[in-house]
Amino acid sequence: MLKHYLTVKNNGQAEIEIQKSRFIGHVKRCETEEAAKTFIDEIKKNHRQANHNCSAYVIGERDHIQRAHDDGEPSGTAGVPILDVIKKQGLKDTCVVITRYFGGIKLGAGGLIRAYSEATSTAIRATGVVSRKWVEEMIVTVDYGLLGKIEHALIDSDYLLDTIDYLANVTLHIYVEADQINRFKTWLTDLTHDQLTIEQGSAVYLETPVSNG
């Protein structure tokens, strides 16, 4: 299991026009090849009147599943450029379909490569990219008098405060990367002079948006 990787948000799309041709980019996070194929088929069904529905996807922890389809465009001018953009951005579990409605002006091989690359980049940017980190939930219970001190210390730390439960005591739910758990426990124990209890909760992927620049 990867501790950290980049992928797209669940789904999105964007459209650009180049030399009167419409290029509609559809993006979806797909964790299996079956899901990617289903998504591609859905787009083809919804845009059956389009001239082309070109696609590419990268799936798996080690990107071991990579496919590119030109769907009638000259070989290497559509699917591969889409795939190249996905790979250059370091995205995993990502499927992109670019629908083209021909506008009457031929673009040539170089023009097609640039068009499909631009359409892919635009669609991914519109969809959004997220960083996924495998983290452990640490459930920390302390007296109310220590809450402010802990909250202040967390601001300058690598740990993420998720929620706080205000009961007889205060309970903080904090996300910590798996390889930092011992360091976190020592840090918080020293900070509170061992006036706390720490329990380990669920392990989850924590998603945070990545700036498009």
Foldseek 3Di string as FASTA:
>chain_A
DDQKAKAFPAWWWDWDADPQKIKIKIKGQAQDVVVQVVVLVVVCVVPVVFPAWWKWAFHDPVSPDIDTGGRPDPPPQARVLLRVLCVVVRHYRMMMIITIHDRPDDLPSVRSSVVNNVRNLVTRLRRFMKMWGWWWKKKKWAAPVCVVVVVVVVVPDPKAWDDWDDDNTIITIIIDHPVCVVVVVVVVCVSVVNRMDIDIDDIDIDIDTDDPD
